[in-house]
C-alpha atoms as a PDB file:
ATOM      1  CA  MET A   1     129.126 112.208  68.874  1.00  0.00           C
ATOM      2  CA  ALA A   2     127.446 112.506  72.155  1.00  0.00           C
ATOM      3  CA  ARG A   3     126.738 116.265  71.689  1.00  0.00           C
ATOM      4  CA  GLU A   4     126.657 116.596  68.126  1.00  0.00           C
ATOM      5  CA  ARG A   5     124.301 119.145  67.111  1.00  0.00           C
ATOM      6  CA  THR A   6     125.732 120.870  63.690  1.00  0.00           C
ATOM      7  CA  GLY A   7     126.362 119.984  60.490  1.00  0.00           C
ATOM      8  CA  PHE A   8     124.435 119.913  57.114  1.00  0.00           C
ATOM      9  CA  TRP A   9     122.327 116.923  57.664  1.00  0.00           C
ATOM     10  CA  ILE A  10     121.616 118.095  61.185  1.00  0.00           C
ATOM     11  CA  ALA A  11     120.650 121.159  59.908  1.00  0.00           C
ATOM     12  CA  ILE A  12     118.084 119.391  57.290  1.00  0.00           C
ATOM     13  CA  GLY A  13     116.746 117.197  60.091  1.00  0.00           C
ATOM     14  CA  VAL A  14     116.196 120.487  62.441  1.00  0.00           C
ATOM     15  CA  GLY A  15     114.493 122.498  59.909  1.00  0.00           C
ATOM     16  CA  ILE A  16     112.413 119.754  59.031  1.00  0.00           C
ATOM     17  CA  LEU A  17     111.568 118.412  62.712  1.00  0.00           C
ATOM     18  CA  TYR A  18     111.551 120.849  64.918  1.00  0.00           C
ATOM     19  CA  PRO A  19     108.702 123.318  63.235  1.00  0.00           C
ATOM     20  CA  ALA A  20     106.418 120.537  61.987  1.00  0.00           C
ATOM     21  CA  THR A  21     106.595 118.872  65.789  1.00  0.00           C
ATOM     22  CA  PHE A  22     105.831 122.205  67.430  1.00  0.00           C
ATOM     23  CA  LEU A  23     102.982 122.843  65.184  1.00  0.00           C
ATOM     24  CA  ILE A  24     101.014 119.500  65.777  1.00  0.00           C
ATOM     25  CA  GLY A  25     102.247 119.689  69.556  1.00  0.00           C
ATOM     26  CA  ARG A  26     103.205 121.021  72.880  1.00  0.00           C
ATOM     27  CA  ARG A  27     105.620 119.468  74.436  1.00  0.00           C
ATOM     28  CA  ARG A  28     106.764 118.612  77.829  1.00  0.00           C
ATOM     29  CA  ALA A  29     109.870 116.774  79.377  1.00  0.00           C
ATOM     30  CA  SER A  30     110.830 115.595  83.280  1.00  0.00           C
ATOM     31  CA  GLY A  31     112.962 113.371  84.510  1.00  0.00           C
ATOM     32  CA  LEU A  32     115.756 115.049  82.612  1.00  0.00           C
ATOM     33  CA  GLU A  33     118.331 114.941  85.370  1.00  0.00           C
ATOM     34  CA  HIS A  34     118.726 111.222  85.402  1.00  0.00           C
ATOM     35  CA  PHE A  35     120.481 111.581  81.236  1.00  0.00           C
ATOM     36  CA  PRO A  36     124.300 110.667  82.256  1.00  0.00           C
ATOM     37  CA  GLU A  37     126.434 113.646  81.880  1.00  0.00           C
ATOM     38  CA  SER A  38     128.772 112.268  79.391  1.00  0.00           C
ATOM     39  CA  GLY A  39     129.214 108.611  77.518  1.00  0.00           C
ATOM     40  CA  GLY A  40     126.761 106.906  75.768  1.00  0.00           C
ATOM     41  CA  ALA A  41     123.682 106.349  76.538  1.00  0.00           C
ATOM     42  CA  LEU A  42     120.880 103.942  75.516  1.00  0.00           C
ATOM     43  CA  LEU A  43     117.206 105.276  75.517  1.00  0.00           C
ATOM     44  CA  VAL A  44     114.234 102.377  75.995  1.00  0.00           C
ATOM     45  CA  MET A  45     111.330 103.718  75.356  1.00  0.00           C
ATOM     46  CA  ASN A  46     107.549 102.976  73.909  1.00  0.00           C
ATOM     47  CA  HIS A  47     105.527 102.681  71.267  1.00  0.00           C
ATOM     48  CA  ILE A  48     102.510 104.651  69.969  1.00  0.00           C
ATOM     49  CA  SER A  49     103.046 106.243  67.039  1.00  0.00           C
ATOM     50  CA  HIS A  50     104.238 106.844  64.029  1.00  0.00           C
ATOM     51  CA  LEU A  51     105.045 110.388  65.299  1.00  0.00           C
ATOM     52  CA  ASP A  52     106.821 109.227  68.045  1.00  0.00           C
ATOM     53  CA  GLY A  53     109.929 108.813  65.897  1.00  0.00           C
ATOM     54  CA  PRO A  54     109.984 112.611  65.073  1.00  0.00           C
ATOM     55  CA  MET A  55     108.675 113.910  68.768  1.00  0.00           C
ATOM     56  CA  ASP A  56     111.603 111.663  70.284  1.00  0.00           C
ATOM     57  CA  ALA A  57     114.426 112.991  67.781  1.00  0.00           C
ATOM     58  CA  VAL A  58     113.712 116.518  68.698  1.00  0.00           C
ATOM     59  CA  PHE A  59     113.041 115.561  71.946  1.00  0.00           C
ATOM     60  CA  VAL A  60     117.064 114.096  72.734  1.00  0.00           C
ATOM     61  CA  HIS A  61     118.472 116.458  69.901  1.00  0.00           C
ATOM     62  CA  ARG A  62     117.407 119.309  72.384  1.00  0.00           C
ATOM     63  CA  ASN A  63     118.838 117.589  75.636  1.00  0.00           C
ATOM     64  CA  ARG A  64     121.514 114.617  74.310  1.00  0.00           C
ATOM     65  CA  GLY A  65     122.582 115.331  70.838  1.00  0.00           C
ATOM     66  CA  LEU A  66     122.266 113.916  67.562  1.00  0.00           C
ATOM     67  CA  PRO A  67     120.022 110.807  68.528  1.00  0.00           C
ATOM     68  CA  ARG A  68     120.686 107.339  66.401  1.00  0.00           C
ATOM     69  CA  PHE A  69     117.569 105.406  66.114  1.00  0.00           C
ATOM     70  CA  LEU A  70     117.217 101.739  64.810  1.00  0.00           C
ATOM     71  CA  ILE A  71     115.011 102.063  61.904  1.00  0.00           C
ATOM     72  CA  LYS A  72     113.735  99.456  59.538  1.00  0.00           C
ATOM     73  CA  ALA A  73     116.395  99.262  56.528  1.00  0.00           C
ATOM     74  CA  GLY A  74     113.211  99.546  53.840  1.00  0.00           C
ATOM     75  CA  VAL A  75     112.614 103.167  54.650  1.00  0.00           C
ATOM     76  CA  LEU A  76     116.124 104.113  54.563  1.00  0.00           C
ATOM     77  CA  ASP A  77     115.611 103.110  51.143  1.00  0.00           C
ATOM     78  CA  VAL A  78     112.753 106.224  50.596  1.00  0.00           C
ATOM     79  CA  PHE A  79     113.368 109.016  48.135  1.00  0.00           C
ATOM     80  CA  PHE A  80     114.719 112.340  50.250  1.00  0.00           C
ATOM     81  CA  VAL A  81     113.461 110.867  53.106  1.00  0.00           C
ATOM     82  CA  GLY A  82     116.210 107.592  53.135  1.00  0.00           C
ATOM     83  CA  ARG A  83     118.560 110.271  52.273  1.00  0.00           C
ATOM     84  CA  ILE A  84     118.690 112.353  55.460  1.00  0.00           C
ATOM     85  CA  LEU A  85     118.351 109.047  57.704  1.00  0.00           C
ATOM     86  CA  ARG A  86     121.681 108.011  55.808  1.00  0.00           C
ATOM     87  CA  GLY A  87     123.123 111.601  56.490  1.00  0.00           C
ATOM     88  CA  LEU A  88     122.034 111.317  59.708  1.00  0.00           C
ATOM     89  CA  HIS A  89     123.615 107.764  60.533  1.00  0.00           C
ATOM     90  CA  GLN A  90     120.824 106.045  61.459  1.00  0.00           C
ATOM     91  CA  VAL A  91     121.277 102.424  61.972  1.00  0.00           C
ATOM     92  CA  PRO A  92     119.568 100.155  59.444  1.00  0.00           C
ATOM     93  CA  VAL A  93     117.919  96.938  60.815  1.00  0.00           C
ATOM     94  CA  HIS A  94     117.792  94.282  58.208  1.00  0.00           C
ATOM     95  CA  ARG A  95     115.337  91.609  59.798  1.00  0.00           C
ATOM     96  CA  GLY A  96     116.138  88.245  58.483  1.00  0.00           C
ATOM     97  CA  SER A  97     119.146  88.187  56.570  1.00  0.00           C
ATOM     98  CA  VAL A  98     122.668  87.915  57.007  1.00  0.00           C
ATOM     99  CA  LYS A  99     123.063  91.262  57.696  1.00  0.00           C
ATOM    100  CA  ALA A 100     120.941  91.132  60.916  1.00  0.00           C
ATOM    101  CA  ALA A 101     124.120  91.385  62.923  1.00  0.00           C
ATOM    102  CA  ASP A 102     125.189  94.732  61.482  1.00  0.00           C
ATOM    103  CA  SER A 103     122.604  96.286  62.639  1.00  0.00           C
ATOM    104  CA  MET A 104     123.734  95.426  66.228  1.00  0.00           C
ATOM    105  CA  ASN A 105     127.172  96.535  65.777  1.00  0.00           C
ATOM    106  CA  GLU A 106     126.201  99.695  64.449  1.00  0.00           C
ATOM    107  CA  ALA A 107     124.196 100.642  67.672  1.00  0.00           C
ATOM    108  CA  VAL A 108     127.286  99.131  69.862  1.00  0.00           C
ATOM    109  CA  LYS A 109     130.009 101.177  67.612  1.00  0.00           C
ATOM    110  CA  ALA A 110     127.520 104.444  68.215  1.00  0.00           C
ATOM    111  CA  LEU A 111     127.451 103.604  71.941  1.00  0.00           C
ATOM    112  CA  GLU A 112     130.946 103.146  72.195  1.00  0.00           C
ATOM    113  CA  GLU A 113     131.575 106.441  70.517  1.00  0.00           C
ATOM    114  CA  GLY A 114     129.396 108.195  73.236  1.00  0.00           C
ATOM    115  CA  GLY A 115     126.194 108.426  71.231  1.00  0.00           C
ATOM    116  CA  THR A 116     122.490 108.421  72.407  1.00  0.00           C
ATOM    117  CA  VAL A 117     120.674 105.622  70.761  1.00  0.00           C
ATOM    118  CA  VAL A 118     117.120 105.579  70.487  1.00  0.00           C
ATOM    119  CA  ILE A 119     115.711 101.546  70.236  1.00  0.00           C
ATOM    120  CA  TYR A 120     111.699 101.121  70.539  1.00  0.00           C
ATOM    121  CA  PRO A 121     111.964  97.088  71.978  1.00  0.00           C
ATOM    122  CA  GLU A 122     108.614  96.572  70.559  1.00  0.00           C
ATOM    123  CA  GLY A 123     109.604  96.550  67.206  1.00  0.00           C
ATOM    124  CA  THR A 124     106.756  98.482  65.968  1.00  0.00           C
ATOM    125  CA  ILE A 125     103.559  99.949  67.002  1.00  0.00           C
ATOM    126  CA  THR A 126     101.608  98.487  70.390  1.00  0.00           C
ATOM    127  CA  LYS A 127      98.623  96.372  69.120  1.00  0.00           C
ATOM    128  CA  ASP A 128      97.303  96.666  72.735  1.00  0.00           C
ATOM    129  CA  PRO A 129      94.294  98.181  72.657  1.00  0.00           C
ATOM    130  CA  ASP A 130      94.556 100.401  75.050  1.00  0.00           C
ATOM    131  CA  GLY A 131      98.281 101.364  74.175  1.00  0.00           C
ATOM    132  CA  TRP A 132     100.690  99.615  76.573  1.00  0.00           C
ATOM    133  CA  PRO A 133     103.329  98.314  76.053  1.00  0.00           C
ATOM    134  CA  MET A 134     103.980  95.019  74.451  1.00  0.00           C
ATOM    135  CA  ALA A 135     106.951  92.629  75.091  1.00  0.00           C
ATOM    136  CA  GLY A 136     110.088  93.613  73.989  1.00  0.00           C
ATOM    137  CA  ARG A 137     112.443  91.992  71.644  1.00  0.00           C
ATOM    138  CA  THR A 138     115.565  91.117  72.959  1.00  0.00           C
ATOM    139  CA  GLY A 139     118.239  92.923  71.136  1.00  0.00           C
ATOM    140  CA  VAL A 140     118.339  96.004  73.785  1.00  0.00           C
ATOM    141  CA  ALA A 141     119.466  93.759  76.143  1.00  0.00           C
ATOM    142  CA  ARG A 142     121.916  92.316  73.591  1.00  0.00           C
ATOM    143  CA  ILE A 143     123.404  95.666  72.760  1.00  0.00           C
ATOM    144  CA  ALA A 144     123.094  96.993  76.803  1.00  0.00           C
ATOM    145  CA  LEU A 145     125.178  93.859  78.138  1.00  0.00           C
ATOM    146  CA  ALA A 146     127.725  94.147  75.375  1.00  0.00           C
ATOM    147  CA  THR A 147     128.615  97.827  76.170  1.00  0.00           C
ATOM    148  CA  GLY A 148     127.945  98.334  79.846  1.00  0.00           C
ATOM    149  CA  VAL A 149     126.675 101.593  79.099  1.00  0.00           C
ATOM    150  CA  PRO A 150     123.763 103.106  81.013  1.00  0.00           C
ATOM    151  CA  ILE A 151     119.693 102.126  80.298  1.00  0.00           C
ATOM    152  CA  ILE A 152     117.717 104.911  80.563  1.00  0.00           C
ATOM    153  CA  PRO A 153     113.848 104.014  80.487  1.00  0.00           C
ATOM    154  CA  ALA A 154     111.784 106.274  79.435  1.00  0.00           C
ATOM    155  CA  ALA A 155     107.718 106.793  78.660  1.00  0.00           C
ATOM    156  CA  ARG A 156     106.180 109.382  76.027  1.00  0.00           C
ATOM    157  CA  TRP A 157     102.460 109.629  75.797  1.00  0.00           C
ATOM    158  CA  GLY A 158     100.431 111.982  74.016  1.00  0.00           C
ATOM    159  CA  THR A 159     101.056 111.340  70.395  1.00  0.00           C
ATOM    160  CA  ARG A 160      98.766 108.789  69.821  1.00  0.00           C
ATOM    161  CA  GLU A 161      96.454 111.244  70.256  1.00  0.00           C
ATOM    162  CA  ILE A 162      97.364 113.594  67.197  1.00  0.00           C
ATOM    163  CA  LEU A 163      97.952 110.152  64.941  1.00  0.00           C
ATOM    164  CA  ASP A 164      96.648 106.725  65.301  1.00  0.00           C
ATOM    165  CA  HIS A 165      97.536 104.502  62.999  1.00  0.00           C
ATOM    166  CA  TYR A 166      95.582 101.587  63.784  1.00  0.00           C
ATOM    167  CA  HIS A 167      92.196 103.614  63.255  1.00  0.00           C
ATOM    168  CA  GLY A 168      92.698 105.789  61.203  1.00  0.00           C
ATOM    169  CA  LYS A 169      92.765 109.362  62.991  1.00  0.00           C
ATOM    170  CA  PHE A 170      94.546 112.360  62.342  1.00  0.00           C
ATOM    171  CA  ARG A 171      93.896 115.196  64.912  1.00  0.00           C
ATOM    172  CA  PRO A 172      96.405 117.852  65.332  1.00  0.00           C
ATOM    173  CA  LEU A 173      94.234 120.104  66.523  1.00  0.00           C
ATOM    174  CA  PRO A 174      93.645 121.566  68.586  1.00  0.00           C
ATOM    175  CA  ARG A 175      96.698 121.124  69.721  1.00  0.00           C
ATOM    176  CA  LYS A 176      97.370 118.415  71.967  1.00  0.00           C
ATOM    177  CA  THR A 177     100.719 118.083  75.026  1.00  0.00           C
ATOM    178  CA  VAL A 178     102.955 115.026  74.483  1.00  0.00           C
ATOM    179  CA  THR A 179     104.429 114.645  77.817  1.00  0.00           C
ATOM    180  CA  THR A 180     108.088 112.422  78.139  1.00  0.00           C
ATOM    181  CA  LEU A 181     109.236 111.168  81.531  1.00  0.00           C
ATOM    182  CA  VAL A 182     112.493 109.880  81.822  1.00  0.00           C
ATOM    183  CA  GLY A 183     113.275 107.199  84.438  1.00  0.00           C
ATOM    184  CA  GLU A 184     116.255 106.407  86.096  1.00  0.00           C
ATOM    185  CA  PRO A 185     119.240 104.337  85.144  1.00  0.00           C
ATOM    186  CA  LEU A 186     118.504 100.439  85.531  1.00  0.00           C
ATOM    187  CA  ASP A 187     121.017  98.712  87.417  1.00  0.00           C
ATOM    188  CA  LEU A 188     122.219  95.714  85.555  1.00  0.00           C
ATOM    189  CA  SER A 189     124.604  95.008  87.651  1.00  0.00           C
ATOM    190  CA  ALA A 190     123.550  91.206  88.648  1.00  0.00           C
ATOM    191  CA  TYR A 191     123.930  90.103  85.075  1.00  0.00           C
ATOM    192  CA  GLN A 192     127.381  91.914  84.195  1.00  0.00           C
ATOM    193  CA  GLY A 193     130.111  88.807  82.755  1.00  0.00           C
ATOM    194  CA  GLU A 194     126.893  86.849  83.015  1.00  0.00           C
ATOM    195  CA  PRO A 195     126.395  84.527  79.484  1.00  0.00           C
ATOM    196  CA  MET A 196     124.474  85.919  77.057  1.00  0.00           C
ATOM    197  CA  THR A 197     121.796  82.988  77.529  1.00  0.00           C
ATOM    198  CA  PRO A 198     117.998  83.623  76.299  1.00  0.00           C
ATOM    199  CA  GLN A 199     116.873  83.502  80.241  1.00  0.00           C
ATOM    200  CA  VAL A 200     119.054  86.734  80.986  1.00  0.00           C
ATOM    201  CA  LEU A 201     118.537  88.290  77.766  1.00  0.00           C
ATOM    202  CA  ARG A 202     114.845  87.820  78.336  1.00  0.00           C
ATOM    203  CA  GLU A 203     114.893  88.943  81.841  1.00  0.00           C
ATOM    204  CA  VAL A 204     117.110  92.191  81.442  1.00  0.00           C
ATOM    205  CA  THR A 205     114.681  93.007  78.432  1.00  0.00           C
ATOM    206  CA  ASP A 206     111.728  92.373  80.381  1.00  0.00           C
ATOM    207  CA  LEU A 207     112.974  94.540  83.254  1.00  0.00           C
ATOM    208  CA  ALA A 208     113.749  97.407  80.952  1.00  0.00           C
ATOM    209  CA  MET A 209     109.815  97.063  79.756  1.00  0.00           C
ATOM    210  CA  THR A 210     108.580  96.666  83.086  1.00  0.00           C
ATOM    211  CA  ARG A 211     110.376 100.454  84.180  1.00  0.00           C
ATOM    212  CA  VAL A 212     108.975 101.940  80.851  1.00  0.00           C
ATOM    213  CA  ARG A 213     105.299 100.740  81.333  1.00  0.00           C
ATOM    214  CA  ASP A 214     105.545 101.995  85.141  1.00  0.00           C
ATOM    215  CA  LEU A 215     106.747 105.379  83.673  1.00  0.00           C
ATOM    216  CA  LEU A 216     103.586 105.137  81.628  1.00  0.00           C
ATOM    217  CA  SER A 217     100.916 104.256  84.103  1.00  0.00           C
ATOM    218  CA  GLU A 218     102.818 107.690  86.091  1.00  0.00           C
ATOM    219  CA  LEU A 219     102.172 109.626  83.587  1.00  0.00           C
ATOM    220  CA  ARG A 220      98.606 108.456  82.318  1.00  0.00           C
ATOM    221  CA  GLY A 221      97.574 108.582  86.119  1.00  0.00           C
ATOM    222  CA  GLU A 222      96.324 104.842  85.901  1.00  0.00           C
ATOM    223  CA  PRO A 223      97.144 101.312  86.678  1.00  0.00           C
ATOM    224  CA  ALA A 224      99.204  99.302  84.239  1.00  0.00           C
ATOM    225  CA  PRO A 225      98.352  95.958  83.114  1.00  0.00           C
ATOM    226  CA  LYS A 226     100.450  93.007  84.875  1.00  0.00           C
ATOM    227  CA  GLU A 227     101.099  91.289  81.706  1.00  0.00           C
ATOM    228  CA  PHE A 228     102.685  92.499  78.593  1.00  0.00           C
ATOM    229  CA  TYR A 229     100.095  92.365  75.456  1.00  0.00           C
ATOM    230  CA  ARG A 230     101.223  89.686  72.942  1.00  0.00           C
ATOM    231  CA  GLN A 231      99.946  89.595  69.630  1.00  0.00           C
ATOM    232  CA  PRO A 232      98.146  86.774  68.616  1.00  0.00           C
END
């Protein structure tokens, strides 16, 4: 699964996303050497625009093969779009239901099979007015500690300049640059074998989000806030 690049539904996805993302933005990436050469990887990223998913999907497919995203279950019910996502084996998230644990189990299975799972721990587009990451949900820590796969932090910037949902702005022209910076895998050795207490899960999640925030600060060339934005 780690290097899966071909297949009917992958061809459909590639045929749609590659030209679409090319038209709306130039791509630039660095830090690719931090991806493991083999085995599963949990890619943890910031979330600033509805364009993040398509852009990140192409980025991961080029460098790691088929990506697996944790997607709100309702999206998979959307006609045609949902059929493609199901065909690509994306992971549905059933919040607040008896199926809530299924998404973690599917993500764990994908990672154990050597796949790449992309997760936005904030759970939604950041509400921070300046686009900095919010505090993350602890599911990312549960998945990481359950599998032992590398957590790869990464930050992406530029998609909000194209599509800013909260301000109702879509500015595809002139073409803008979307930049991704991949960081070194997180060192979680201090937490291996520890019980998944709320404190441990929060510490691991904050560690991941802090690294993502630092990478975003490097991309933007400006200091990040010391505290995570929290929704009122």
